[in-house]
Amino acid sequence: MVWHNAWPIQSRDVHGARISASGQVLDTFVISEGLDDRAQPAVAYDADQDRYLVVYIVDTVGDGSDWDIY
């Protein structure tokens, strides 16, 4: 599971959590944070290689005019 936090006076950041099949939270972690706004994260899981791919957008200019995918 991935999500972005919307803070009242600072940029959004991206967080994640691993959750068991029974719904138990195994661990949580910060994926990306910084001065640039981050949003709309998505995650995919590769069961063969046991790895995750997380993508999200970053406001690289800071005024909402240029969003890049990371």
PDB file of N, CA and C in Angstrom:
ATOM      1  N   MET A   1       0.851  -1.164   0.000  1.00  0.00           N
ATOM      2  CA  MET A   1       0.000   0.000   0.000  1.00  0.00           C
ATOM      3  C   MET A   1       0.903   1.235   0.000  1.00  0.00           C
ATOM      4  N   VAL A   2       0.566   2.234  -0.804  1.00  0.00           N
ATOM      5  CA  VAL A   2       1.291   3.510  -0.814  1.00  0.00           C
ATOM      6  C   VAL A   2       0.295   4.660  -0.752  1.00  0.00           C
ATOM      7  N   TRP A   3       0.735   5.792  -0.223  1.00  0.00           N
ATOM      8  CA  TRP A   3      -0.111   6.981  -0.130  1.00  0.00           C
ATOM      9  C   TRP A   3       0.767   8.213   0.011  1.00  0.00           C
ATOM     10  N   HIS A   4       0.172   9.396  -0.176  1.00  0.00           N
ATOM     11  CA  HIS A   4       0.893  10.633   0.108  1.00  0.00           C
ATOM     12  C   HIS A   4       0.202  11.334   1.279  1.00  0.00           C
ATOM     13  N   ASN A   5       1.024  11.950   2.114  1.00  0.00           N
ATOM     14  CA  ASN A   5       0.511  12.757   3.223  1.00  0.00           C
ATOM     15  C   ASN A   5       0.375  14.189   2.747  1.00  0.00           C
ATOM     16  N   ALA A   6      -0.699  14.836   3.101  1.00  0.00           N
ATOM     17  CA  ALA A   6      -0.902  16.249   2.772  1.00  0.00           C
ATOM     18  C   ALA A   6      -0.751  17.051   4.058  1.00  0.00           C
ATOM     19  N   TRP A   7       0.396  17.711   4.212  1.00  0.00           N
ATOM     20  CA  TRP A   7       0.671  18.510   5.400  1.00  0.00           C
ATOM     21  C   TRP A   7       0.138  19.923   5.197  1.00  0.00           C
ATOM     22  N   PRO A   8      -0.343  20.595   6.262  1.00  0.00           N
ATOM     23  CA  PRO A   8      -0.928  21.932   6.095  1.00  0.00           C
ATOM     24  C   PRO A   8       0.082  23.006   5.668  1.00  0.00           C
ATOM     25  N   ILE A   9       1.342  22.897   6.069  1.00  0.00           N
ATOM     26  CA  ILE A   9       2.293  23.979   5.763  1.00  0.00           C
ATOM     27  C   ILE A   9       3.566  23.485   5.087  1.00  0.00           C
ATOM     28  N   GLN A  10       3.572  22.280   4.554  1.00  0.00           N
ATOM     29  CA  GLN A  10       4.760  21.801   3.857  1.00  0.00           C
ATOM     30  C   GLN A  10       4.352  20.885   2.710  1.00  0.00           C
ATOM     31  N   SER A  11       5.328  20.431   1.944  1.00  0.00           N
ATOM     32  CA  SER A  11       5.070  19.592   0.770  1.00  0.00           C
ATOM     33  C   SER A  11       4.534  18.219   1.160  1.00  0.00           C
ATOM     34  N   ARG A  12       3.797  17.607   0.228  1.00  0.00           N
ATOM     35  CA  ARG A  12       3.342  16.228   0.428  1.00  0.00           C
ATOM     36  C   ARG A  12       4.530  15.283   0.279  1.00  0.00           C
ATOM     37  N   ASP A  13       4.487  14.169   1.002  1.00  0.00           N
ATOM     38  CA  ASP A  13       5.504  13.146   0.888  1.00  0.00           C
ATOM     39  C   ASP A  13       4.825  11.796   0.671  1.00  0.00           C
ATOM     40  N   VAL A  14       5.613  10.800   0.225  1.00  0.00           N
ATOM     41  CA  VAL A  14       5.067   9.495  -0.131  1.00  0.00           C
ATOM     42  C   VAL A  14       5.517   8.465   0.897  1.00  0.00           C
ATOM     43  N   HIS A  15       4.560   7.678   1.383  1.00  0.00           N
ATOM     44  CA  HIS A  15       4.817   6.635   2.370  1.00  0.00           C
ATOM     45  C   HIS A  15       4.299   5.304   1.861  1.00  0.00           C
ATOM     46  N   GLY A  16       4.751   4.223   2.482  1.00  0.00           N
ATOM     47  CA  GLY A  16       4.283   2.902   2.115  1.00  0.00           C
ATOM     48  C   GLY A  16       4.152   2.005   3.331  1.00  0.00           C
ATOM     49  N   ALA A  17       3.455   0.905   3.142  1.00  0.00           N
ATOM     50  CA  ALA A  17       3.305  -0.105   4.184  1.00  0.00           C
ATOM     51  C   ALA A  17       3.225  -1.470   3.526  1.00  0.00           C
ATOM     52  N   ARG A  18       3.826  -2.445   4.185  1.00  0.00           N
ATOM     53  CA  ARG A  18       3.649  -3.839   3.763  1.00  0.00           C
ATOM     54  C   ARG A  18       2.570  -4.432   4.650  1.00  0.00           C
ATOM     55  N   ILE A  19       1.610  -5.113   4.035  1.00  0.00           N
ATOM     56  CA  ILE A  19       0.466  -5.658   4.757  1.00  0.00           C
ATOM     57  C   ILE A  19       0.346  -7.145   4.435  1.00  0.00           C
ATOM     58  N   SER A  20       0.135  -7.949   5.461  1.00  0.00           N
ATOM     59  CA  SER A  20       0.009  -9.398   5.267  1.00  0.00           C
ATOM     60  C   SER A  20      -1.316  -9.739   4.590  1.00  0.00           C
ATOM     61  N   ALA A  21      -1.432 -10.976   4.145  1.00  0.00           N
ATOM     62  CA  ALA A  21      -2.664 -11.439   3.512  1.00  0.00           C
ATOM     63  C   ALA A  21      -3.855 -11.354   4.469  1.00  0.00           C
ATOM     64  N   SER A  22      -3.598 -11.419   5.774  1.00  0.00           N
ATOM     65  CA  SER A  22      -4.673 -11.335   6.765  1.00  0.00           C
ATOM     66  C   SER A  22      -5.009  -9.891   7.142  1.00  0.00           C
ATOM     67  N   GLY A  23      -4.277  -8.909   6.557  1.00  0.00           N
ATOM     68  CA  GLY A  23      -4.555  -7.504   6.831  1.00  0.00           C
ATOM     69  C   GLY A  23      -3.717  -6.882   7.921  1.00  0.00           C
ATOM     70  N   GLN A  24      -2.767  -7.606   8.470  1.00  0.00           N
ATOM     71  CA  GLN A  24      -1.890  -7.076   9.515  1.00  0.00           C
ATOM     72  C   GLN A  24      -0.790  -6.223   8.901  1.00  0.00           C
ATOM     73  N   VAL A  25      -0.567  -5.028   9.465  1.00  0.00           N
ATOM     74  CA  VAL A  25       0.516  -4.160   8.996  1.00  0.00           C
ATOM     75  C   VAL A  25       1.842  -4.748   9.464  1.00  0.00           C
ATOM     76  N   LEU A  26       2.719  -5.089   8.514  1.00  0.00           N
ATOM     77  CA  LEU A  26       4.015  -5.677   8.841  1.00  0.00           C
ATOM     78  C   LEU A  26       5.056  -4.607   9.130  1.00  0.00           C
ATOM     79  N   ASP A  27       5.089  -3.561   8.313  1.00  0.00           N
ATOM     80  CA  ASP A  27       5.968  -2.421   8.562  1.00  0.00           C
ATOM     81  C   ASP A  27       5.540  -1.241   7.705  1.00  0.00           C
ATOM     82  N   THR A  28       5.952  -0.042   8.113  1.00  0.00           N
ATOM     83  CA  THR A  28       5.672   1.182   7.362  1.00  0.00           C
ATOM     84  C   THR A  28       6.992   1.905   7.136  1.00  0.00           C
ATOM     85  N   PHE A  29       7.048   2.747   6.103  1.00  0.00           N
ATOM     86  CA  PHE A  29       8.297   3.430   5.779  1.00  0.00           C
ATOM     87  C   PHE A  29       8.027   4.642   4.893  1.00  0.00           C
ATOM     88  N   VAL A  30       8.976   5.566   4.886  1.00  0.00           N
ATOM     89  CA  VAL A  30       8.938   6.727   4.001  1.00  0.00           C
ATOM     90  C   VAL A  30       9.577   6.319   2.681  1.00  0.00           C
ATOM     91  N   ILE A  31       8.893   6.581   1.583  1.00  0.00           N
ATOM     92  CA  ILE A  31       9.430   6.282   0.256  1.00  0.00           C
ATOM     93  C   ILE A  31      10.162   7.497  -0.302  1.00  0.00           C
ATOM     94  N   SER A  32       9.570   8.682  -0.166  1.00  0.00           N
ATOM     95  CA  SER A  32      10.199   9.891  -0.674  1.00  0.00           C
ATOM     96  C   SER A  32       9.660  11.109   0.067  1.00  0.00           C
ATOM     97  N   GLU A  33      10.584  11.994   0.445  1.00  0.00           N
ATOM     98  CA  GLU A  33      10.194  13.250   1.075  1.00  0.00           C
ATOM     99  C   GLU A  33      11.200  14.320   0.689  1.00  0.00           C
ATOM    100  N   GLY A  34      10.834  15.562   0.839  1.00  0.00           N
ATOM    101  CA  GLY A  34      11.722  16.651   0.489  1.00  0.00           C
ATOM    102  C   GLY A  34      10.951  17.940   0.312  1.00  0.00           C
ATOM    103  N   LEU A  35      11.610  18.932  -0.254  1.00  0.00           N
ATOM    104  CA  LEU A  35      10.990  20.237  -0.432  1.00  0.00           C
ATOM    105  C   LEU A  35       9.998  20.274  -1.582  1.00  0.00           C
ATOM    106  N   ASP A  36      10.194  19.417  -2.602  1.00  0.00           N
ATOM    107  CA  ASP A  36       9.274  19.367  -3.740  1.00  0.00           C
ATOM    108  C   ASP A  36       8.040  18.545  -3.381  1.00  0.00           C
ATOM    109  N   ASP A  37       6.873  18.975  -3.847  1.00  0.00           N
ATOM    110  CA  ASP A  37       5.618  18.288  -3.594  1.00  0.00           C
ATOM    111  C   ASP A  37       5.585  16.953  -4.324  1.00  0.00           C
ATOM    112  N   ARG A  38       5.149  15.890  -3.653  1.00  0.00           N
ATOM    113  CA  ARG A  38       5.028  14.549  -4.228  1.00  0.00           C
ATOM    114  C   ARG A  38       3.597  14.071  -4.063  1.00  0.00           C
ATOM    115  N   ALA A  39       3.074  13.341  -5.076  1.00  0.00           N
ATOM    116  CA  ALA A  39       1.666  12.933  -5.011  1.00  0.00           C
ATOM    117  C   ALA A  39       1.401  11.733  -5.910  1.00  0.00           C
ATOM    118  N   GLN A  40       0.201  11.202  -5.821  1.00  0.00           N
ATOM    119  CA  GLN A  40      -0.360  10.152  -6.666  1.00  0.00           C
ATOM    120  C   GLN A  40       0.529   8.908  -6.791  1.00  0.00           C
ATOM    121  N   PRO A  41       0.979   8.341  -5.674  1.00  0.00           N
ATOM    122  CA  PRO A  41       1.815   7.141  -5.768  1.00  0.00           C
ATOM    123  C   PRO A  41       1.014   5.915  -6.203  1.00  0.00           C
ATOM    124  N   ALA A  42       1.706   5.003  -6.840  1.00  0.00           N
ATOM    125  CA  ALA A  42       1.139   3.704  -7.228  1.00  0.00           C
ATOM    126  C   ALA A  42       2.224   2.651  -7.032  1.00  0.00           C
ATOM    127  N   VAL A  43       1.824   1.410  -6.757  1.00  0.00           N
ATOM    128  CA  VAL A  43       2.795   0.346  -6.501  1.00  0.00           C
ATOM    129  C   VAL A  43       2.406  -0.911  -7.269  1.00  0.00           C
ATOM    130  N   ALA A  44       3.427  -1.638  -7.714  1.00  0.00           N
ATOM    131  CA  ALA A  44       3.245  -2.950  -8.340  1.00  0.00           C
ATOM    132  C   ALA A  44       4.215  -3.911  -7.667  1.00  0.00           C
ATOM    133  N   TYR A  45       3.833  -5.177  -7.565  1.00  0.00           N
ATOM    134  CA  TYR A  45       4.666  -6.190  -6.908  1.00  0.00           C
ATOM    135  C   TYR A  45       5.008  -7.292  -7.893  1.00  0.00           C
ATOM    136  N   ASP A  46       6.285  -7.673  -7.923  1.00  0.00           N
ATOM    137  CA  ASP A  46       6.782  -8.772  -8.752  1.00  0.00           C
ATOM    138  C   ASP A  46       7.021  -9.971  -7.829  1.00  0.00           C
ATOM    139  N   ALA A  47       6.097 -10.921  -7.820  1.00  0.00           N
ATOM    140  CA  ALA A  47       6.189 -12.070  -6.919  1.00  0.00           C
ATOM    141  C   ALA A  47       7.359 -12.995  -7.279  1.00  0.00           C
ATOM    142  N   ASP A  48       7.724 -13.073  -8.550  1.00  0.00           N
ATOM    143  CA  ASP A  48       8.838 -13.936  -8.955  1.00  0.00           C
ATOM    144  C   ASP A  48      10.161 -13.453  -8.375  1.00  0.00           C
ATOM    145  N   GLN A  49      10.367 -12.143  -8.351  1.00  0.00           N
ATOM    146  CA  GLN A  49      11.615 -11.573  -7.862  1.00  0.00           C
ATOM    147  C   GLN A  49      11.478 -10.975  -6.454  1.00  0.00           C
ATOM    148  N   ASP A  50      10.274 -11.005  -5.885  1.00  0.00           N
ATOM    149  CA  ASP A  50       9.982 -10.450  -4.563  1.00  0.00           C
ATOM    150  C   ASP A  50      10.464  -9.000  -4.467  1.00  0.00           C
ATOM    151  N   ARG A  51       9.976  -8.164  -5.377  1.00  0.00           N
ATOM    152  CA  ARG A  51      10.362  -6.751  -5.393  1.00  0.00           C
ATOM    153  C   ARG A  51       9.166  -5.887  -5.764  1.00  0.00           C
ATOM    154  N   TYR A  52       9.265  -4.615  -5.398  1.00  0.00           N
ATOM    155  CA  TYR A  52       8.189  -3.651  -5.618  1.00  0.00           C
ATOM    156  C   TYR A  52       8.668  -2.551  -6.554  1.00  0.00           C
ATOM    157  N   LEU A  53       7.732  -2.002  -7.328  1.00  0.00           N
ATOM    158  CA  LEU A  53       7.980  -0.814  -8.133  1.00  0.00           C
ATOM    159  C   LEU A  53       6.985   0.243  -7.666  1.00  0.00           C
ATOM    160  N   VAL A  54       7.501   1.378  -7.214  1.00  0.00           N
ATOM    161  CA  VAL A  54       6.658   2.489  -6.777  1.00  0.00           C
ATOM    162  C   VAL A  54       6.915   3.668  -7.702  1.00  0.00           C
ATOM    163  N   VAL A  55       5.855   4.273  -8.212  1.00  0.00           N
ATOM    164  CA  VAL A  55       5.961   5.485  -9.021  1.00  0.00           C
ATOM    165  C   VAL A  55       5.100   6.573  -8.381  1.00  0.00           C
ATOM    166  N   TYR A  56       5.514   7.817  -8.585  1.00  0.00           N
ATOM    167  CA  TYR A  56       4.773   8.967  -8.061  1.00  0.00           C
ATOM    168  C   TYR A  56       5.195  10.188  -8.854  1.00  0.00           C
ATOM    169  N   ILE A  57       4.434  11.280  -8.739  1.00  0.00           N
ATOM    170  CA  ILE A  57       4.789  12.503  -9.446  1.00  0.00           C
ATOM    171  C   ILE A  57       5.411  13.504  -8.472  1.00  0.00           C
ATOM    172  N   VAL A  58       6.308  14.331  -9.012  1.00  0.00           N
ATOM    173  CA  VAL A  58       7.005  15.351  -8.225  1.00  0.00           C
ATOM    174  C   VAL A  58       6.876  16.692  -8.934  1.00  0.00           C
ATOM    175  N   ASP A  59       6.483  17.705  -8.179  1.00  0.00           N
ATOM    176  CA  ASP A  59       6.389  19.080  -8.687  1.00  0.00           C
ATOM    177  C   ASP A  59       7.802  19.667  -8.689  1.00  0.00           C
ATOM    178  N   THR A  60       8.517  19.527  -9.806  1.00  0.00           N
ATOM    179  CA  THR A  60       9.936  19.881  -9.855  1.00  0.00           C
ATOM    180  C   THR A  60      10.199  21.385  -9.817  1.00  0.00           C
ATOM    181  N   VAL A  61       9.244  22.193 -10.263  1.00  0.00           N
ATOM    182  CA  VAL A  61       9.436  23.644 -10.268  1.00  0.00           C
ATOM    183  C   VAL A  61       8.909  24.278  -8.984  1.00  0.00           C
ATOM    184  N   GLY A  62       7.879  23.669  -8.412  1.00  0.00           N
ATOM    185  CA  GLY A  62       7.330  24.165  -7.160  1.00  0.00           C
ATOM    186  C   GLY A  62       6.090  25.022  -7.300  1.00  0.00           C
ATOM    187  N   ASP A  63       5.616  25.185  -8.535  1.00  0.00           N
ATOM    188  CA  ASP A  63       4.415  26.020  -8.724  1.00  0.00           C
ATOM    189  C   ASP A  63       3.280  25.244  -9.406  1.00  0.00           C
ATOM    190  N   GLY A  64       3.433  23.925  -9.524  1.00  0.00           N
ATOM    191  CA  GLY A  64       2.401  23.104 -10.147  1.00  0.00           C
ATOM    192  C   GLY A  64       2.426  23.090 -11.658  1.00  0.00           C
ATOM    193  N   SER A  65       3.458  23.683 -12.282  1.00  0.00           N
ATOM    194  CA  SER A  65       3.500  23.776 -13.741  1.00  0.00           C
ATOM    195  C   SER A  65       4.301  22.662 -14.399  1.00  0.00           C
ATOM    196  N   ASP A  66       5.096  21.907 -13.633  1.00  0.00           N
ATOM    197  CA  ASP A  66       5.952  20.869 -14.224  1.00  0.00           C
ATOM    198  C   ASP A  66       6.036  19.676 -13.274  1.00  0.00           C
ATOM    199  N   TRP A  67       5.280  18.630 -13.582  1.00  0.00           N
ATOM    200  CA  TRP A  67       5.260  17.415 -12.769  1.00  0.00           C
ATOM    201  C   TRP A  67       6.013  16.320 -13.508  1.00  0.00           C
ATOM    202  N   ASP A  68       6.986  15.681 -12.845  1.00  0.00           N
ATOM    203  CA  ASP A  68       7.740  14.571 -13.428  1.00  0.00           C
ATOM    204  C   ASP A  68       7.393  13.281 -12.688  1.00  0.00           C
ATOM    205  N   ILE A  69       7.528  12.147 -13.376  1.00  0.00           N
ATOM    206  CA  ILE A  69       7.298  10.849 -12.776  1.00  0.00           C
ATOM    207  C   ILE A  69       8.619  10.314 -12.235  1.00  0.00           C
ATOM    208  N   TYR A  70       8.599   9.867 -11.025  1.00  0.00           N
ATOM    209  CA  TYR A  70       9.768   9.243 -10.393  1.00  0.00           C
ATOM    210  C   TYR A  70       9.446   7.807 -10.065  1.00  0.00           C
TER     211      TYR A  70
END
